[in-house]
Amino acid sequence: MSFVDRREYKCELYGSKLIIVDRWFPSSKTCSRCGTVKESLLLSERVFNCEHCNFSCDCSATLARTRFECSIKFSYGGQFAPQR
C-alpha cells in the first residue's frame, strides 16, 4: 500500500476527504496574506517579503498557511482567498 492509498483508506474509515495539492502549486511563492505570487524565490531566502502588501513572514510559515488555505479552497469549492 502506498502512502496515498493509506491516507485514502483512513479518510474513508473516518468519513474525511483527502485533498492532494498539485506538486507544482507555488505555495512557497504565494503570499499567505494577499495571494500574490512572487516570480522568483531563492532557496536561500528564509523570510518571505511580499512587495504587494508588505507582509513579511518566515518562509515555512507562509508555505504552511498557503497550503492550508488551498485545502480550504478545494474543500468548499471556493476561490483561493487568503485572510487579510
Protein backbone atom coordinates (compact mmCIF):
# COMPACT_ATOMS: atom_id res chain seq x y z
CA MET A 1 0.00 0.00 0.00
CA SER A 2 1.35 3.41 -0.94
CA PHE A 3 1.29 6.49 1.27
CA VAL A 4 -1.66 7.95 -0.64
CA ASP A 5 -3.55 4.65 -0.52
CA ARG A 6 -3.17 4.56 3.25
CA ARG A 7 -4.43 8.15 3.56
CA GLU A 8 -7.41 7.38 1.32
CA TYR A 9 -8.22 4.32 3.45
CA LYS A 10 -8.08 6.36 6.67
CA CYS A 11 -10.24 9.10 5.16
CA GLU A 12 -12.89 6.58 4.13
CA LEU A 13 -12.73 4.98 7.57
CA TYR A 14 -13.31 8.30 9.38
CA GLY A 15 -15.56 9.95 6.80
CA SER A 16 -12.95 12.54 5.79
CA LYS A 17 -11.88 13.83 2.42
CA LEU A 18 -8.30 13.59 1.17
CA ILE A 19 -7.09 16.70 -0.63
CA ILE A 20 -3.84 16.47 -2.58
CA VAL A 21 -2.28 19.77 -3.57
CA ASP A 22 -0.68 19.76 -7.00
CA ARG A 23 3.04 19.09 -6.82
CA TRP A 24 3.83 22.25 -8.80
CA PHE A 25 1.45 24.61 -6.96
CA PRO A 26 3.65 27.62 -6.00
CA SER A 27 2.68 27.60 -2.31
CA SER A 28 6.09 28.78 -1.13
CA LYS A 29 5.96 31.70 -3.60
CA THR A 30 2.39 32.72 -2.75
CA CYS A 31 1.74 35.41 -0.16
CA SER A 32 -0.47 33.99 2.59
CA ARG A 33 -1.99 37.40 3.21
CA CYS A 34 -2.91 38.76 -0.26
CA GLY A 35 -2.37 35.74 -2.58
CA THR A 36 0.19 37.45 -4.83
CA VAL A 37 2.65 35.01 -6.39
CA LYS A 38 6.32 36.04 -6.48
CA GLU A 39 8.13 35.45 -9.74
CA SER A 40 11.25 34.12 -8.03
CA LEU A 41 12.16 32.99 -4.55
CA LEU A 42 15.62 31.66 -3.87
CA LEU A 43 16.04 28.61 -1.66
CA SER A 44 18.45 30.63 0.47
CA GLU A 45 15.73 33.16 1.35
CA ARG A 46 14.29 32.25 4.75
CA VAL A 47 11.97 35.24 5.10
CA PHE A 48 9.12 35.83 2.65
CA ASN A 49 8.64 39.52 1.85
CA CYS A 50 5.63 40.44 -0.28
CA GLU A 51 6.19 43.52 -2.42
CA HIS A 52 2.44 43.91 -2.97
CA CYS A 53 1.15 44.17 0.64
CA ASN A 54 4.47 44.49 2.55
CA PHE A 55 3.75 41.29 4.50
CA SER A 56 6.82 39.60 5.98
CA CYS A 57 6.89 36.10 7.43
CA ASP A 58 9.10 33.03 7.83
CA CYS A 59 9.06 31.05 4.57
CA SER A 60 7.98 27.83 6.30
CA ALA A 61 5.03 29.57 7.96
CA THR A 62 3.99 31.11 4.64
CA LEU A 63 4.16 27.70 2.94
CA ALA A 64 2.06 26.04 5.66
CA ARG A 65 -0.58 28.76 5.73
CA THR A 66 -0.86 28.87 1.92
CA ARG A 67 -1.29 25.09 1.72
CA PHE A 68 -3.93 25.26 4.44
CA GLU A 69 -5.81 27.98 2.53
CA CYS A 70 -5.52 25.89 -0.63
CA SER A 71 -7.08 22.90 1.14
CA ILE A 72 -10.00 25.08 2.25
CA LYS A 73 -10.49 26.20 -1.35
CA PHE A 74 -10.80 22.62 -2.55
CA SER A 75 -12.89 21.53 0.44
CA TYR A 76 -15.55 24.17 -0.03
CA GLY A 77 -15.23 24.78 -3.76
CA GLY A 78 -14.43 28.46 -3.25
CA GLN A 79 -11.74 30.69 -4.62
CA PHE A 80 -8.30 30.99 -3.05
CA ALA A 81 -8.88 33.94 -0.72
CA PRO A 82 -6.21 34.30 1.95
CA GLN A 83 -7.17 36.14 5.10
CA ARG A 84 -6.31 39.81 5.05
